[in-house]
C-alpha atoms as a PDB file:
ATOM      1  CA  UNK A   1      11.465  -8.997  11.240  1.00  0.00           C
ATOM      2  CA  UNK A   2       8.972  -5.959  12.180  1.00  0.00           C
ATOM      3  CA  UNK A   3       6.766  -4.888   9.380  1.00  0.00           C
ATOM      4  CA  UNK A   4       5.715  -1.127   8.541  1.00  0.00           C
ATOM      5  CA  UNK A   5       2.470  -0.460   6.478  1.00  0.00           C
ATOM      6  CA  UNK A   6       2.737   2.391   3.799  1.00  0.00           C
ATOM      7  CA  UNK A   7      -0.577   3.858   2.026  1.00  0.00           C
ATOM      8  CA  UNK A   8      -0.383   6.301   0.080  1.00  0.00           C
ATOM      9  CA  UNK A   9      -3.567   8.327  -0.396  1.00  0.00           C
ATOM     10  CA  UNK A  10      -2.467  11.758  -1.209  1.00  0.00           C
ATOM     11  CA  UNK A  11      -3.934  11.201  -5.158  1.00  0.00           C
ATOM     12  CA  UNK A  12      -7.135  13.624  -5.522  1.00  0.00           C
ATOM     13  CA  UNK A  13      -9.421  11.253  -7.418  1.00  0.00           C
ATOM     14  CA  UNK A  14      -9.939  13.318 -10.538  1.00  0.00           C
ATOM     15  CA  UNK A  15     -10.764  10.077 -12.760  1.00  0.00           C
ATOM     16  CA  UNK A  16     -13.352   9.259  -9.942  1.00  0.00           C
ATOM     17  CA  UNK A  17     -14.684  12.724  -9.767  1.00  0.00           C
ATOM     18  CA  UNK A  18     -15.297  12.474  -6.411  1.00  0.00           C
ATOM     19  CA  UNK A  19     -12.882  11.811  -3.204  1.00  0.00           C
ATOM     20  CA  UNK A  20     -12.658   7.757  -3.749  1.00  0.00           C
ATOM     21  CA  UNK A  21     -11.251   7.027  -0.681  1.00  0.00           C
ATOM     22  CA  UNK A  22     -14.462   7.986   1.255  1.00  0.00           C
ATOM     23  CA  UNK A  23     -16.825   6.473  -0.631  1.00  0.00           C
ATOM     24  CA  UNK A  24     -18.853   4.034   1.309  1.00  0.00           C
ATOM     25  CA  UNK A  25     -18.564   0.021   0.445  1.00  0.00           C
ATOM     26  CA  UNK A  26     -20.435  -1.653   3.070  1.00  0.00           C
ATOM     27  CA  UNK A  27     -20.212  -0.644   6.288  1.00  0.00           C
ATOM     28  CA  UNK A  28     -17.574   1.070   5.839  1.00  0.00           C
ATOM     29  CA  UNK A  29     -15.637   3.447   3.668  1.00  0.00           C
ATOM     30  CA  UNK A  30     -12.571   2.076   0.715  1.00  0.00           C
ATOM     31  CA  UNK A  31      -9.782   3.733   2.916  1.00  0.00           C
ATOM     32  CA  UNK A  32     -11.258   1.914   6.105  1.00  0.00           C
ATOM     33  CA  UNK A  33     -11.220  -1.274   4.726  1.00  0.00           C
ATOM     34  CA  UNK A  34      -7.778  -0.985   3.339  1.00  0.00           C
ATOM     35  CA  UNK A  35      -6.493   0.068   6.429  1.00  0.00           C
ATOM     36  CA  UNK A  36      -8.421  -2.768   8.593  1.00  0.00           C
ATOM     37  CA  UNK A  37      -6.979  -5.497   5.728  1.00  0.00           C
ATOM     38  CA  UNK A  38      -3.845  -4.792   6.745  1.00  0.00           C
ATOM     39  CA  UNK A  39      -3.744  -4.532  10.666  1.00  0.00           C
ATOM     40  CA  UNK A  40      -5.884  -7.926  10.291  1.00  0.00           C
ATOM     41  CA  UNK A  41      -3.118  -9.092   8.242  1.00  0.00           C
ATOM     42  CA  UNK A  42      -0.560  -8.911  11.654  1.00  0.00           C
ATOM     43  CA  UNK A  43       0.780  -5.500  10.673  1.00  0.00           C
ATOM     44  CA  UNK A  44       0.788  -2.837  13.622  1.00  0.00           C
ATOM     45  CA  UNK A  45       2.671   0.336  12.682  1.00  0.00           C
ATOM     46  CA  UNK A  46       0.242   1.175   9.702  1.00  0.00           C
ATOM     47  CA  UNK A  47       0.889   4.756   8.066  1.00  0.00           C
ATOM     48  CA  UNK A  48      -1.451   6.937   5.703  1.00  0.00           C
ATOM     49  CA  UNK A  49       0.248   9.394   3.907  1.00  0.00           C
ATOM     50  CA  UNK A  50      -2.397  12.152   3.039  1.00  0.00           C
ATOM     51  CA  UNK A  51      -1.972  15.547   0.865  1.00  0.00           C
ATOM     52  CA  UNK A  52      -3.612  19.051   1.819  1.00  0.00           C
ATOM     53  CA  UNK A  53      -6.510  18.203  -0.355  1.00  0.00           C
ATOM     54  CA  UNK A  54      -7.309  15.082   1.079  1.00  0.00           C
ATOM     55  CA  UNK A  55      -6.327  15.642   4.718  1.00  0.00           C
ATOM     56  CA  UNK A  56     -10.127  15.481   5.758  1.00  0.00           C
ATOM     57  CA  UNK A  57      -9.208  11.530   5.132  1.00  0.00           C
ATOM     58  CA  UNK A  58      -7.478  11.876   8.356  1.00  0.00           C
ATOM     59  CA  UNK A  59      -9.888  10.828  10.560  1.00  0.00           C
ATOM     60  CA  UNK A  60     -11.321   7.772   8.783  1.00  0.00           C
ATOM     61  CA  UNK A  61      -7.593   6.196   9.071  1.00  0.00           C
ATOM     62  CA  UNK A  62      -7.197   6.811  12.407  1.00  0.00           C
ATOM     63  CA  UNK A  63     -10.611   5.277  13.100  1.00  0.00           C
ATOM     64  CA  UNK A  64      -8.868   2.445  11.263  1.00  0.00           C
ATOM     65  CA  UNK A  65      -6.115   1.922  13.502  1.00  0.00           C
ATOM     66  CA  UNK A  66      -3.391   4.301  11.443  1.00  0.00           C
ATOM     67  CA  UNK A  67      -1.057   6.870  12.009  1.00  0.00           C
ATOM     68  CA  UNK A  68      -1.398   9.836   9.857  1.00  0.00           C
ATOM     69  CA  UNK A  69       1.189  11.954   8.066  1.00  0.00           C
ATOM     70  CA  UNK A  70      -0.164  15.003   6.656  1.00  0.00           C
ATOM     71  CA  UNK A  71       1.912  16.614   3.800  1.00  0.00           C
ATOM     72  CA  UNK A  72       2.757  20.086   3.957  1.00  0.00           C
ATOM     73  CA  UNK A  73       1.965  20.561   0.161  1.00  0.00           C
ATOM     74  CA  UNK A  74       0.675  17.981  -2.927  1.00  0.00           C
ATOM     75  CA  UNK A  75       3.580  16.034  -4.168  1.00  0.00           C
ATOM     76  CA  UNK A  76       3.882  15.831  -7.840  1.00  0.00           C
ATOM     77  CA  UNK A  77       3.736  11.877  -7.751  1.00  0.00           C
ATOM     78  CA  UNK A  78       3.227   9.072  -5.733  1.00  0.00           C
ATOM     79  CA  UNK A  79       6.806   8.348  -5.390  1.00  0.00           C
ATOM     80  CA  UNK A  80       7.143  11.750  -3.714  1.00  0.00           C
ATOM     81  CA  UNK A  81       4.200  10.701  -1.105  1.00  0.00           C
ATOM     82  CA  UNK A  82       6.124   7.575  -0.595  1.00  0.00           C
ATOM     83  CA  UNK A  83       9.728   8.922   0.132  1.00  0.00           C
ATOM     84  CA  UNK A  84       7.419  11.527   2.369  1.00  0.00           C
ATOM     85  CA  UNK A  85       6.173   8.254   4.565  1.00  0.00           C
ATOM     86  CA  UNK A  86       9.270   6.311   4.805  1.00  0.00           C
ATOM     87  CA  UNK A  87      11.165   9.177   5.808  1.00  0.00           C
ATOM     88  CA  UNK A  88       8.007   9.498   8.741  1.00  0.00           C
ATOM     89  CA  UNK A  89       8.296   5.767   9.019  1.00  0.00           C
ATOM     90  CA  UNK A  90      12.202   6.214   9.989  1.00  0.00           C
ATOM     91  CA  UNK A  91      12.301   9.155  12.284  1.00  0.00           C
ATOM     92  CA  UNK A  92       9.297   7.492  14.144  1.00  0.00           C
ATOM     93  CA  UNK A  93      10.409   4.008  14.111  1.00  0.00           C
ATOM     94  CA  UNK A  94      13.673   3.601  13.216  1.00  0.00           C
ATOM     95  CA  UNK A  95      13.373   0.260  11.115  1.00  0.00           C
ATOM     96  CA  UNK A  96      16.548  -2.055  10.475  1.00  0.00           C
ATOM     97  CA  UNK A  97      17.618  -2.788   7.134  1.00  0.00           C
ATOM     98  CA  UNK A  98      15.924  -6.383   7.253  1.00  0.00           C
ATOM     99  CA  UNK A  99      12.260  -5.394   8.638  1.00  0.00           C
ATOM    100  CA  UNK A 100       9.991  -4.969   5.893  1.00  0.00           C
ATOM    101  CA  UNK A 101       7.844  -1.999   4.450  1.00  0.00           C
ATOM    102  CA  UNK A 102       4.778  -2.852   2.821  1.00  0.00           C
ATOM    103  CA  UNK A 103       3.553  -0.808   0.381  1.00  0.00           C
ATOM    104  CA  UNK A 104      -0.122  -0.972  -0.615  1.00  0.00           C
ATOM    105  CA  UNK A 105      -2.017   2.063  -2.446  1.00  0.00           C
ATOM    106  CA  UNK A 106      -5.329   3.168  -0.736  1.00  0.00           C
ATOM    107  CA  UNK A 107      -7.745   2.327  -3.595  1.00  0.00           C
ATOM    108  CA  UNK A 108      -7.495  -1.437  -3.154  1.00  0.00           C
ATOM    109  CA  UNK A 109     -10.505  -2.002  -0.951  1.00  0.00           C
ATOM    110  CA  UNK A 110     -10.974  -5.735  -1.708  1.00  0.00           C
ATOM    111  CA  UNK A 111      -7.690  -7.040  -0.670  1.00  0.00           C
ATOM    112  CA  UNK A 112      -7.887  -9.948   2.119  1.00  0.00           C
ATOM    113  CA  UNK A 113      -5.696  -9.662   5.286  1.00  0.00           C
ATOM    114  CA  UNK A 114      -4.379 -13.273   4.622  1.00  0.00           C
ATOM    115  CA  UNK A 115      -2.682 -11.511   1.441  1.00  0.00           C
ATOM    116  CA  UNK A 116      -0.364  -9.762   3.666  1.00  0.00           C
ATOM    117  CA  UNK A 117      -0.267 -12.891   5.980  1.00  0.00           C
ATOM    118  CA  UNK A 118       1.315 -14.889   3.018  1.00  0.00           C
ATOM    119  CA  UNK A 119       4.242 -11.956   1.871  1.00  0.00           C
ATOM    120  CA  UNK A 120       5.252 -11.878   5.409  1.00  0.00           C
ATOM    121  CA  UNK A 121       5.469 -15.309   5.674  1.00  0.00           C
ATOM    122  CA  UNK A 122       7.414 -15.562   1.983  1.00  0.00           C
ATOM    123  CA  UNK A 123       9.883 -12.882   3.515  1.00  0.00           C
ATOM    124  CA  UNK A 124      10.299 -14.899   6.974  1.00  0.00           C
ATOM    125  CA  UNK A 125      10.908 -18.039   5.203  1.00  0.00           C
ATOM    126  CA  UNK A 126      12.964 -16.762   2.208  1.00  0.00           C
ATOM    127  CA  UNK A 127      15.648 -14.708   4.033  1.00  0.00           C
ATOM    128  CA  UNK A 128      18.053 -14.574   0.660  1.00  0.00           C
ATOM    129  CA  UNK A 129      15.151 -12.516  -1.077  1.00  0.00           C
ATOM    130  CA  UNK A 130      14.149  -8.903  -0.538  1.00  0.00           C
ATOM    131  CA  UNK A 131      11.201  -7.959  -2.587  1.00  0.00           C
ATOM    132  CA  UNK A 132       7.752  -9.895  -2.339  1.00  0.00           C
ATOM    133  CA  UNK A 133       4.777  -9.551  -4.579  1.00  0.00           C
ATOM    134  CA  UNK A 134       1.519 -11.322  -5.215  1.00  0.00           C
ATOM    135  CA  UNK A 135       0.943 -12.686  -8.498  1.00  0.00           C
ATOM    136  CA  UNK A 136      -2.274 -13.391 -10.179  1.00  0.00           C
ATOM    137  CA  UNK A 137      -3.042 -15.162 -13.901  1.00  0.00           C
ATOM    138  CA  UNK A 138       0.743 -14.085 -14.961  1.00  0.00           C
ATOM    139  CA  UNK A 139      -0.037 -10.259 -13.380  1.00  0.00           C
ATOM    140  CA  UNK A 140       1.986  -8.596 -10.399  1.00  0.00           C
ATOM    141  CA  UNK A 141      -0.648  -7.008  -8.154  1.00  0.00           C
ATOM    142  CA  UNK A 142      -0.459  -5.483  -4.967  1.00  0.00           C
ATOM    143  CA  UNK A 143       0.609  -4.546  -1.690  1.00  0.00           C
ATOM    144  CA  UNK A 144       4.734  -5.118  -2.303  1.00  0.00           C
ATOM    145  CA  UNK A 145       6.601  -6.306   0.567  1.00  0.00           C
ATOM    146  CA  UNK A 146      10.011  -5.157   0.217  1.00  0.00           C
ATOM    147  CA  UNK A 147      12.829  -5.118   3.560  1.00  0.00           C
ATOM    148  CA  UNK A 148      13.977  -1.859   4.817  1.00  0.00           C
ATOM    149  CA  UNK A 149      17.299  -1.346   2.712  1.00  0.00           C
ATOM    150  CA  UNK A 150      15.346  -0.248  -0.533  1.00  0.00           C
ATOM    151  CA  UNK A 151      14.132   2.581   1.204  1.00  0.00           C
ATOM    152  CA  UNK A 152      17.120   4.184   0.393  1.00  0.00           C
ATOM    153  CA  UNK A 153      17.668   2.803  -3.024  1.00  0.00           C
ATOM    154  CA  UNK A 154      14.302   4.238  -3.988  1.00  0.00           C
ATOM    155  CA  UNK A 155      15.383   7.607  -3.373  1.00  0.00           C
ATOM    156  CA  UNK A 156      18.776   7.342  -4.954  1.00  0.00           C
ATOM    157  CA  UNK A 157      16.492   6.497  -8.614  1.00  0.00           C
ATOM    158  CA  UNK A 158      16.610   9.265 -11.446  1.00  0.00           C
ATOM    159  CA  UNK A 159      13.843  11.011 -11.507  1.00  0.00           C
ATOM    160  CA  UNK A 160      10.682  10.295 -13.399  1.00  0.00           C
ATOM    161  CA  UNK A 161      11.456   6.418 -12.386  1.00  0.00           C
ATOM    162  CA  UNK A 162       9.212   4.801  -9.933  1.00  0.00           C
ATOM    163  CA  UNK A 163       8.904   1.324  -7.682  1.00  0.00           C
ATOM    164  CA  UNK A 164       8.302  -0.176 -10.374  1.00  0.00           C
ATOM    165  CA  UNK A 165      11.525   0.590 -12.143  1.00  0.00           C
ATOM    166  CA  UNK A 166      13.393  -0.580  -8.596  1.00  0.00           C
ATOM    167  CA  UNK A 167      11.505  -3.889  -8.483  1.00  0.00           C
ATOM    168  CA  UNK A 168      12.643  -4.929 -12.534  1.00  0.00           C
ATOM    169  CA  UNK A 169      16.412  -3.620 -11.522  1.00  0.00           C
ATOM    170  CA  UNK A 170      16.451  -6.417  -8.808  1.00  0.00           C
ATOM    171  CA  UNK A 171      14.422  -8.866 -10.030  1.00  0.00           C
ATOM    172  CA  UNK A 172      17.059 -11.743  -8.782  1.00  0.00           C
ATOM    173  CA  UNK A 173      15.778 -10.488  -5.240  1.00  0.00           C
ATOM    174  CA  UNK A 174      12.485 -10.763  -6.504  1.00  0.00           C
ATOM    175  CA  UNK A 175       9.823 -13.257  -5.012  1.00  0.00           C
ATOM    176  CA  UNK A 176       6.611 -13.686  -6.607  1.00  0.00           C
ATOM    177  CA  UNK A 177       3.562 -15.323  -4.412  1.00  0.00           C
ATOM    178  CA  UNK A 178       1.309 -17.124  -6.723  1.00  0.00           C
ATOM    179  CA  UNK A 179      -2.294 -16.211  -5.386  1.00  0.00           C
ATOM    180  CA  UNK A 180      -5.801 -17.856  -6.111  1.00  0.00           C
ATOM    181  CA  UNK A 181      -7.650 -14.325  -6.615  1.00  0.00           C
ATOM    182  CA  UNK A 182      -8.141 -11.473  -8.282  1.00  0.00           C
ATOM    183  CA  UNK A 183      -8.208  -9.030  -5.513  1.00  0.00           C
ATOM    184  CA  UNK A 184      -4.502  -7.958  -5.579  1.00  0.00           C
ATOM    185  CA  UNK A 185      -5.146  -6.865  -8.913  1.00  0.00           C
ATOM    186  CA  UNK A 186      -8.345  -4.693  -8.217  1.00  0.00           C
ATOM    187  CA  UNK A 187      -8.232  -0.752  -7.348  1.00  0.00           C
ATOM    188  CA  UNK A 188     -10.330   1.983  -8.175  1.00  0.00           C
ATOM    189  CA  UNK A 189     -10.201   4.628 -10.676  1.00  0.00           C
ATOM    190  CA  UNK A 190     -13.137   5.078 -12.535  1.00  0.00           C
ATOM    191  CA  UNK A 191     -16.935   5.127 -11.369  1.00  0.00           C
ATOM    192  CA  UNK A 192     -17.397   2.190 -12.859  1.00  0.00           C
ATOM    193  CA  UNK A 193     -14.637   0.382 -11.182  1.00  0.00           C
ATOM    194  CA  UNK A 194     -16.729   1.273  -7.627  1.00  0.00           C
ATOM    195  CA  UNK A 195     -20.065   0.405  -9.389  1.00  0.00           C
ATOM    196  CA  UNK A 196     -18.335  -2.935 -10.109  1.00  0.00           C
ATOM    197  CA  UNK A 197     -16.952  -3.355  -6.645  1.00  0.00           C
ATOM    198  CA  UNK A 198     -19.829  -2.014  -4.458  1.00  0.00           C
ATOM    199  CA  UNK A 199     -22.095  -5.108  -6.648  1.00  0.00           C
ATOM    200  CA  UNK A 200     -19.899  -7.696  -5.437  1.00  0.00           C
ATOM    201  CA  UNK A 201     -19.669  -9.369  -2.376  1.00  0.00           C
ATOM    202  CA  UNK A 202     -17.098  -7.926  -0.016  1.00  0.00           C
ATOM    203  CA  UNK A 203     -14.511  -9.607   1.985  1.00  0.00           C
ATOM    204  CA  UNK A 204     -15.432  -9.224   5.719  1.00  0.00           C
END
């Protein structure tokens, strides 16, 4: 089973008020920390999808070891960004149905690589399941790991529905992986989020 990572990074950080993925956290930016964690978790093929307004992130993503797909136009929502990324991965890597894709929003800089390892291990050990999610304190977090056959199903969803709706419709195929710490729930949306994360010890 090959695992590909898809990191949507086309949002314009309106709630943050400045480009949040380029903000510094320790010795790296938010985006670099996310890409590095995924690669340290054993995923070699990492794709970051940026829009025209976030194309300046390309160099940061490439420095961290990711490929970059620059969208020709802004997308209306994250689902459209994800679909564009899946198409790019299909064209460049030709995944098989039982390969997997790891979906991780780019604003989760406290994620540690062992979460990625745990999800991949769960997928290898549970061939009857096809969706794998970390869970902490009763809440489902990120990233999500899905077998590649779900890529086509995502495209067939009605307009206005996203990945969460697809996961709910496939509850019998979903395995939650209990996780002891809250970084799987931590994202950056506001200046207060950033200040809180920047003041706390950062994963290496």
